[in-house]
């Protein structure tokens, strides 16, 4: 009886995580479709179409992002790869919860946690 209760609780927790992830993905899709249309309309009606609104990222920014991603991948393989394969992409909020949980179990440093989270959510 107790094993059944524990199993049901675990399944309920997983169902809640999946439902939360699906809701976040849906919000993200709605936000990107609504924002994209509004941005396209604003750009089309703009009198000065050649002046950039935001500066484009330079090579240094791209190189830093790539270096951070590679460092995150390295730390994932070192800390997490012993027991886990790389999971599917989850929303950052769900992934942060999982990494915080594993930080305690695997004794991952705060810096490692940040690099791994960045790697796992990009």
Protein backbone atom coordinates (compact mmCIF):
# COMPACT_ATOMS: atom_id res chain seq x y z
CA UNK A 1 0.00 0.00 0.00
CA UNK A 2 2.77 2.43 0.92
CA UNK A 3 4.75 1.70 -2.27
CA UNK A 4 1.65 2.43 -4.33
CA UNK A 5 1.17 5.74 -2.53
CA UNK A 6 4.81 6.73 -3.14
CA UNK A 7 4.54 5.77 -6.80
CA UNK A 8 1.37 7.84 -7.21
CA UNK A 9 3.04 10.85 -5.57
CA UNK A 10 6.05 10.55 -7.87
CA UNK A 11 3.84 10.26 -10.94
CA UNK A 12 1.84 13.30 -9.82
CA UNK A 13 5.04 15.32 -9.39
CA UNK A 14 6.26 14.34 -12.84
CA UNK A 15 2.87 15.19 -14.34
CA UNK A 16 3.00 18.63 -12.71
CA UNK A 17 6.50 19.27 -14.06
CA UNK A 18 5.49 18.21 -17.56
CA UNK A 19 2.34 20.33 -17.41
CA UNK A 20 4.36 23.33 -16.23
CA UNK A 21 6.89 22.83 -19.03
CA UNK A 22 4.13 22.58 -21.63
CA UNK A 23 2.44 25.74 -20.32
CA UNK A 24 5.72 27.66 -20.46
CA UNK A 25 6.39 26.49 -24.00
CA UNK A 26 2.88 27.55 -25.03
CA UNK A 27 3.34 31.00 -23.44
CA UNK A 28 6.70 31.31 -25.16
CA UNK A 29 5.15 30.42 -28.54
CA UNK A 30 2.29 32.87 -28.04
CA UNK A 31 4.65 35.62 -26.97
CA UNK A 32 6.99 35.10 -29.94
CA UNK A 33 4.13 35.03 -32.47
CA UNK A 34 2.51 38.17 -31.04
CA UNK A 35 5.80 40.04 -30.65
CA UNK A 36 7.02 39.05 -34.10
CA UNK A 37 3.93 40.44 -35.82
CA UNK A 38 4.06 43.67 -33.83
CA UNK A 39 7.77 44.11 -34.54
CA UNK A 40 7.25 43.50 -38.26
CA UNK A 41 4.44 46.08 -38.37
CA UNK A 42 6.53 48.62 -36.47
CA UNK A 43 9.50 48.08 -38.77
CA UNK A 44 7.36 48.41 -41.90
CA UNK A 45 5.87 51.72 -40.73
CA UNK A 46 9.23 53.12 -39.58
CA UNK A 47 10.42 56.03 -41.74
CA UNK A 48 14.11 55.27 -41.23
CA UNK A 49 14.52 51.58 -42.00
CA UNK A 50 18.32 51.66 -42.32
CA UNK A 51 19.17 52.82 -38.80
CA UNK A 52 19.53 49.83 -36.48
CA UNK A 53 17.46 50.00 -33.31
CA UNK A 54 19.80 47.75 -31.35
CA UNK A 55 23.51 47.25 -31.90
CA UNK A 56 24.40 43.90 -33.39
CA UNK A 57 26.48 41.65 -31.19
CA UNK A 58 30.14 41.83 -32.02
CA UNK A 59 32.50 38.99 -32.50
CA UNK A 60 33.65 39.30 -28.89
CA UNK A 61 30.12 38.73 -27.55
CA UNK A 62 29.60 35.73 -29.81
CA UNK A 63 32.99 34.34 -28.80
CA UNK A 64 32.17 34.79 -25.10
CA UNK A 65 28.81 33.02 -25.52
CA UNK A 66 30.45 30.15 -27.35
CA UNK A 67 33.19 29.87 -24.72
CA UNK A 68 30.56 29.84 -21.94
CA UNK A 69 28.58 27.14 -23.75
CA UNK A 70 31.69 25.01 -24.27
CA UNK A 71 32.64 25.46 -20.61
CA UNK A 72 29.11 24.44 -19.61
CA UNK A 73 29.29 21.36 -21.78
CA UNK A 74 32.66 20.46 -20.27
CA UNK A 75 31.35 20.86 -16.74
CA UNK A 76 28.20 18.87 -17.60
CA UNK A 77 30.31 15.99 -18.84
CA UNK A 78 32.57 16.18 -15.80
CA UNK A 79 29.86 16.49 -13.14
CA UNK A 80 26.69 15.06 -14.66
CA UNK A 81 27.87 12.83 -17.50
CA UNK A 82 29.02 10.15 -15.09
CA UNK A 83 25.40 9.20 -14.40
CA UNK A 84 23.26 11.03 -16.97
CA UNK A 85 22.95 11.41 -20.68
CA UNK A 86 22.14 14.88 -21.91
CA UNK A 87 18.39 15.34 -21.39
CA UNK A 88 15.98 16.86 -23.84
CA UNK A 89 15.52 20.61 -23.76
CA UNK A 90 13.33 21.85 -20.94
CA UNK A 91 12.33 25.40 -20.08
CA UNK A 92 14.98 27.20 -18.01
CA UNK A 93 12.77 27.20 -14.92
CA UNK A 94 12.34 23.41 -14.90
CA UNK A 95 16.02 22.84 -15.68
CA UNK A 96 17.07 25.22 -12.87
CA UNK A 97 14.99 23.23 -10.40
CA UNK A 98 16.57 19.95 -11.50
CA UNK A 99 20.09 21.38 -11.37
CA UNK A 100 19.54 22.84 -7.88
CA UNK A 101 18.40 19.42 -6.72
CA UNK A 102 21.41 17.70 -8.24
CA UNK A 103 23.75 20.38 -6.92
CA UNK A 104 23.12 19.08 -3.41
CA UNK A 105 23.43 15.43 -4.38
CA UNK A 106 26.51 15.73 -6.61
CA UNK A 107 28.18 18.57 -4.68
CA UNK A 108 28.30 20.86 -7.72
CA UNK A 109 29.70 24.34 -7.11
CA UNK A 110 27.60 27.44 -7.74
CA UNK A 111 29.80 28.40 -10.70
CA UNK A 112 29.47 24.93 -12.23
CA UNK A 113 25.70 25.11 -11.73
CA UNK A 114 25.49 28.40 -13.64
CA UNK A 115 27.61 27.14 -16.54
CA UNK A 116 25.65 23.88 -16.75
CA UNK A 117 22.32 25.70 -16.61
CA UNK A 118 23.41 28.03 -19.42
CA UNK A 119 24.55 25.05 -21.48
CA UNK A 120 21.37 23.08 -20.88
CA UNK A 121 18.98 25.91 -21.72
CA UNK A 122 20.57 27.21 -24.93
